[in-house]
Amino acid sequence: MPVSRTEIDRISSRLCDGTPLPRPRWVPELSYGRHRGPSRPQSRMAAVAVTLYHCPKQGWVIPLTLRPLNLQHHGGQVCLPGGHVEAGETMFDAAFREFREELGVDAKVKTICGQLSPQFVYASDNLVHPVVALIENPGPWDPDPVEVAQVITLPLTQLKTMVFEPAAAHESADCSSSRQVPRFFDANFRGRYVVMQRGVVADKEEVDQLRFRAPALTHQKHRIWGATALILDQLAQVLHGKR
């Protein structure tokens, strides 16, 4: 079922009504210090643009970016357009500047909805502030090849699976066995997992491998996890009236 304009309008009213936002649930294992621990006082401020527009073929969508594999941080991951906040910028200024630099088009903002909860990303030491806005259909993309390998449009109908997905066997990157759902999910939620692997480096050499599971949303064969999944999960709960 397509997302209605009433549901879209709910986002603006919910982000402005002053009540606490629902807590994101798509938290990776080993998450303390990654997404659930406090950020350092010296952590860098960053902003990402959570922009929604109506596509004639897909309905309401959110543009995401696939980062090139050769980037130092988050290479090969699906992200929201965004980056560091420069001196004198607001979070909205930074998010829309980064949108233009990464995607090659201006975000023609129709409605600024507000902000979702900041997310601390340990790997890049960024405190990420998601800003939400309705924009006009931007037309053809002209992405920066240094920062963007592919522009991905995520239909908002996909976010319903983050809230209402029925119990199912969990998928992972290297196995298909069923796994128990961690206790931090509510009783109505069942997620799919991706198994991540990270090198442990000492004296500039890799000395071990660290493996952990992370809830992931699959779209067009891409796995969306980490801070991006946390942000989208909170938006999904706002969109569908969860508190």
Protein backbone atom coordinates (compact mmCIF):
# COMPACT_ATOMS: atom_id res chain seq x y z
CA MET A 1 0.00 0.00 0.00
CA PRO A 2 1.46 3.42 -0.92
CA VAL A 3 2.38 5.93 1.77
CA SER A 4 -0.34 8.56 2.03
CA ARG A 5 0.11 12.31 2.28
CA THR A 6 -1.47 12.10 5.74
CA GLU A 7 1.36 9.83 6.86
CA ILE A 8 3.91 12.23 5.38
CA ASP A 9 2.32 15.16 7.23
CA ARG A 10 2.55 13.12 10.44
CA ILE A 11 6.35 13.36 10.25
CA SER A 12 6.36 17.16 10.50
CA SER A 13 3.81 17.28 13.31
CA ARG A 14 5.53 14.50 15.24
CA LEU A 15 8.98 16.10 15.03
CA CYS A 16 7.59 19.41 16.26
CA ASP A 17 5.19 18.33 19.02
CA GLY A 18 7.86 18.23 21.73
CA THR A 19 7.29 14.65 22.85
CA PRO A 20 10.28 12.28 23.06
CA LEU A 21 11.07 10.44 19.86
CA PRO A 22 10.86 6.64 19.75
CA ARG A 23 14.15 4.91 20.40
CA PRO A 24 15.80 3.36 17.32
CA ARG A 25 16.11 -0.41 17.66
CA TRP A 26 18.39 -1.50 14.81
CA VAL A 27 21.47 -1.52 17.02
CA PRO A 28 24.53 -3.60 16.00
CA GLU A 29 26.15 -6.00 18.44
CA LEU A 30 29.13 -4.47 20.27
CA SER A 31 27.17 -1.24 20.02
CA TYR A 32 28.45 0.56 23.13
CA GLY A 33 30.76 3.26 21.90
CA ARG A 34 29.48 2.78 18.35
CA HIS A 35 25.86 3.93 18.51
CA ARG A 36 24.71 3.73 22.11
CA GLY A 37 27.62 5.11 24.13
CA PRO A 38 28.17 8.83 24.68
CA SER A 39 30.13 10.80 22.11
CA ARG A 40 33.43 12.39 23.10
CA PRO A 41 33.34 16.13 23.89
CA GLN A 42 35.73 16.58 20.95
CA SER A 43 33.72 14.46 18.50
CA ARG A 44 33.11 16.11 15.16
CA MET A 45 29.65 17.45 14.39
CA ALA A 46 28.06 16.07 11.24
CA ALA A 47 24.66 16.35 9.58
CA VAL A 48 22.84 14.10 7.12
CA ALA A 49 19.90 14.97 4.90
CA VAL A 50 16.85 12.74 5.27
CA THR A 51 14.94 14.10 2.29
CA LEU A 52 11.59 12.83 1.03
CA TYR A 53 10.12 13.50 -2.39
CA HIS A 54 7.39 12.01 -4.55
CA CYS A 55 8.53 9.91 -7.50
CA PRO A 56 5.90 9.15 -10.19
CA LYS A 57 7.07 5.50 -10.41
CA GLN A 58 7.99 4.68 -6.80
CA GLY A 59 5.82 6.99 -4.73
CA TRP A 60 7.50 8.70 -1.77
CA VAL A 61 11.23 7.94 -1.64
CA ILE A 62 14.42 8.84 0.26
CA PRO A 63 17.66 9.27 -1.72
CA LEU A 64 20.63 7.33 -0.32
CA THR A 65 24.21 6.98 -1.52
CA LEU A 66 26.46 3.96 -1.96
CA ARG A 67 29.96 4.99 -0.92
CA PRO A 68 32.95 3.89 -3.05
CA LEU A 69 34.95 0.99 -1.64
CA ASN A 70 38.18 2.98 -1.52
CA LEU A 71 36.96 5.56 1.00
CA GLN A 72 38.71 5.52 4.39
CA HIS A 73 35.49 5.55 6.43
CA HIS A 74 32.37 3.49 5.64
CA GLY A 75 33.58 2.44 2.17
CA GLY A 76 31.01 0.29 0.36
CA GLN A 77 28.22 1.19 2.76
CA VAL A 78 24.84 2.74 2.02
CA CYS A 79 24.54 6.16 3.66
CA LEU A 80 22.43 9.28 3.77
CA PRO A 81 24.02 12.27 2.03
CA GLY A 82 25.84 14.37 4.59
CA GLY A 83 29.13 15.33 6.20
CA HIS A 84 30.90 17.60 8.63
CA VAL A 85 29.34 20.84 9.86
CA GLU A 86 31.56 23.77 8.94
CA ALA A 87 32.07 26.89 11.03
CA GLY A 88 29.02 29.13 11.03
CA GLU A 89 26.69 26.50 9.55
CA THR A 90 23.49 25.18 11.05
CA MET A 91 22.76 21.46 10.85
CA PHE A 92 20.32 22.16 8.03
CA ASP A 93 22.87 24.31 6.15
CA ALA A 94 25.47 21.54 6.37
CA ALA A 95 23.07 18.74 5.38
CA PHE A 96 21.79 20.54 2.29
CA ARG A 97 25.29 21.69 1.26
CA GLU A 98 26.49 18.10 1.45
CA PHE A 99 23.39 16.96 -0.46
CA ARG A 100 24.33 19.32 -3.30
CA GLU A 101 28.03 18.38 -3.24
CA GLU A 102 27.40 14.63 -3.22
CA LEU A 103 24.37 14.36 -5.51
CA GLY A 104 25.11 17.27 -7.84
CA VAL A 105 21.69 18.93 -7.52
CA ASP A 106 20.14 21.36 -5.07
CA ALA A 107 17.65 20.12 -2.52
CA LYS A 108 14.67 22.33 -3.35
CA VAL A 109 13.12 22.29 0.10
CA LYS A 110 9.35 22.53 0.35
CA THR A 111 8.98 21.80 4.09
CA ILE A 112 11.56 21.49 6.85
CA CYS A 113 10.13 18.82 9.13
CA GLY A 114 12.70 18.86 11.96
CA GLN A 115 15.41 16.61 13.33
CA LEU A 116 15.66 13.00 14.43
CA SER A 117 17.87 11.89 17.33
CA PRO A 118 21.65 12.39 16.90
CA GLN A 119 23.64 9.18 16.40
CA PHE A 120 27.25 8.77 17.50
CA VAL A 121 29.37 6.90 14.94
CA TYR A 122 32.45 5.55 16.68
CA ALA A 123 34.33 4.48 13.54
CA SER A 124 34.57 8.06 12.22
CA ASP A 125 34.11 9.86 15.57
CA ASN A 126 31.12 11.82 14.27
CA LEU A 127 28.00 12.88 16.15
CA VAL A 128 25.52 12.73 13.29
CA HIS A 129 22.43 14.96 13.30
CA PRO A 130 19.68 13.77 10.89
CA VAL A 131 17.62 16.62 9.47
CA VAL A 132 14.33 15.78 7.76
CA ALA A 133 12.74 17.75 4.91
CA LEU A 134 10.27 17.38 2.07
CA ILE A 135 11.80 18.41 -1.26
CA GLU A 136 10.72 18.73 -4.86
CA ASN A 137 11.57 15.90 -7.24
CA PRO A 138 15.24 16.73 -7.94
CA GLY A 139 15.32 15.32 -11.47
CA PRO A 140 18.47 13.62 -12.86
CA TRP A 141 21.30 13.09 -10.38
CA ASP A 142 24.86 14.22 -11.11
CA PRO A 143 26.78 12.54 -8.25
CA ASP A 144 30.37 13.26 -7.28
CA PRO A 145 32.24 10.05 -8.25
CA VAL A 146 34.77 10.57 -5.46
CA GLU A 147 32.08 10.30 -2.77
CA VAL A 148 29.22 8.45 -4.45
CA ALA A 149 29.39 5.16 -6.36
CA GLN A 150 25.60 5.00 -6.87
CA VAL A 151 22.47 6.93 -5.93
CA ILE A 152 19.81 4.65 -4.43
CA THR A 153 16.18 5.69 -3.95
CA LEU A 154 14.50 3.90 -1.05
CA PRO A 155 10.67 3.81 -1.23
CA LEU A 156 9.04 4.73 2.07
CA THR A 157 6.90 1.61 1.74
CA GLN A 158 10.10 -0.31 2.59
CA LEU A 159 10.16 1.32 6.02
CA LYS A 160 6.98 -0.53 6.97
CA THR A 161 9.02 -3.75 7.11
CA MET A 162 11.18 -2.17 9.80
CA VAL A 163 8.13 -1.73 12.03
CA PHE A 164 5.78 -4.57 11.14
CA GLU A 165 7.98 -7.33 9.64
CA PRO A 166 6.70 -10.78 10.75
CA ALA A 167 8.89 -13.41 12.38
CA ALA A 168 11.23 -14.99 9.86
CA ALA A 169 14.56 -16.72 9.58
CA HIS A 170 17.35 -14.17 9.69
CA GLU A 171 19.51 -13.60 6.66
CA SER A 172 23.21 -12.92 6.95
CA ALA A 173 26.07 -12.22 4.59
CA ASP A 174 27.62 -15.67 4.97
CA CYS A 175 24.96 -18.01 6.36
CA SER A 176 21.21 -18.59 6.30
CA SER A 177 20.72 -20.23 9.70
CA SER A 178 18.00 -18.97 12.01
CA ARG A 179 19.20 -16.91 14.97
CA GLN A 180 17.47 -15.70 18.09
CA VAL A 181 16.31 -12.12 18.12
CA PRO A 182 18.29 -10.02 20.64
CA ARG A 183 16.35 -8.88 23.68
CA PHE A 184 16.62 -5.19 22.84
CA PHE A 185 13.96 -5.63 20.13
CA ASP A 186 10.30 -5.41 21.11
CA ALA A 187 8.11 -8.50 20.92
CA ASN A 188 6.52 -7.50 17.60
CA PHE A 189 9.78 -6.94 15.75
CA ARG A 190 11.95 -9.44 13.88
CA GLY A 191 14.97 -8.19 11.96
CA ARG A 192 17.30 -9.60 9.33
CA TYR A 193 21.01 -9.61 10.01
CA VAL A 194 24.25 -9.03 8.19
CA VAL A 195 27.45 -10.47 9.66
CA MET A 196 30.19 -7.85 9.58
CA GLN A 197 33.94 -8.44 9.75
CA ARG A 198 36.50 -5.86 10.80
CA GLY A 199 40.27 -6.07 11.03
CA VAL A 200 42.02 -5.50 14.36
CA VAL A 201 45.18 -3.48 13.69
CA ALA A 202 48.30 -3.15 15.86
CA ASP A 203 51.55 -1.51 14.77
CA LYS A 204 49.97 -0.89 11.37
CA GLU A 205 49.42 -4.60 10.78
CA GLU A 206 46.21 -6.59 10.98
CA VAL A 207 46.51 -8.99 13.89
CA ASP A 208 42.97 -10.35 14.20
CA GLN A 209 39.43 -10.23 12.85
CA LEU A 210 36.41 -8.95 14.76
CA ARG A 211 33.03 -10.31 13.73
CA PHE A 212 29.65 -8.98 14.85
CA ARG A 213 26.03 -9.06 13.72
CA ALA A 214 24.00 -6.02 12.76
CA PRO A 215 20.30 -5.73 11.84
CA ALA A 216 20.08 -4.80 8.17
CA LEU A 217 17.41 -3.71 5.71
CA THR A 218 17.85 -5.22 2.24
CA HIS A 219 16.96 -3.05 -0.76
CA GLN A 220 18.03 -3.73 -4.36
CA LYS A 221 20.60 -6.26 -3.05
CA HIS A 222 22.15 -3.56 -0.85
CA ARG A 223 22.39 -4.01 2.92
CA ILE A 224 21.53 -0.90 4.95
CA TRP A 225 22.82 -1.12 8.52
CA GLY A 226 24.58 0.87 11.25
CA ALA A 227 23.77 4.53 11.82
CA THR A 228 21.79 4.77 8.57
CA ALA A 229 19.52 1.90 9.65
CA LEU A 230 19.10 3.45 13.11
CA ILE A 231 18.02 6.76 11.56
CA LEU A 232 15.64 5.09 9.11
CA ASP A 233 14.17 2.95 11.90
CA GLN A 234 13.35 6.01 13.97
CA LEU A 235 11.81 7.68 10.91
CA ALA A 236 9.77 4.51 10.25
CA GLN A 237 8.36 4.60 13.77
CA VAL A 238 7.50 8.31 13.42
CA LEU A 239 5.93 7.72 10.00
CA HIS A 240 3.72 4.92 11.26
CA GLY A 241 2.72 6.49 14.54
CA LYS A 242 4.90 4.50 16.93
CA ARG A 243 5.82 6.14 20.25
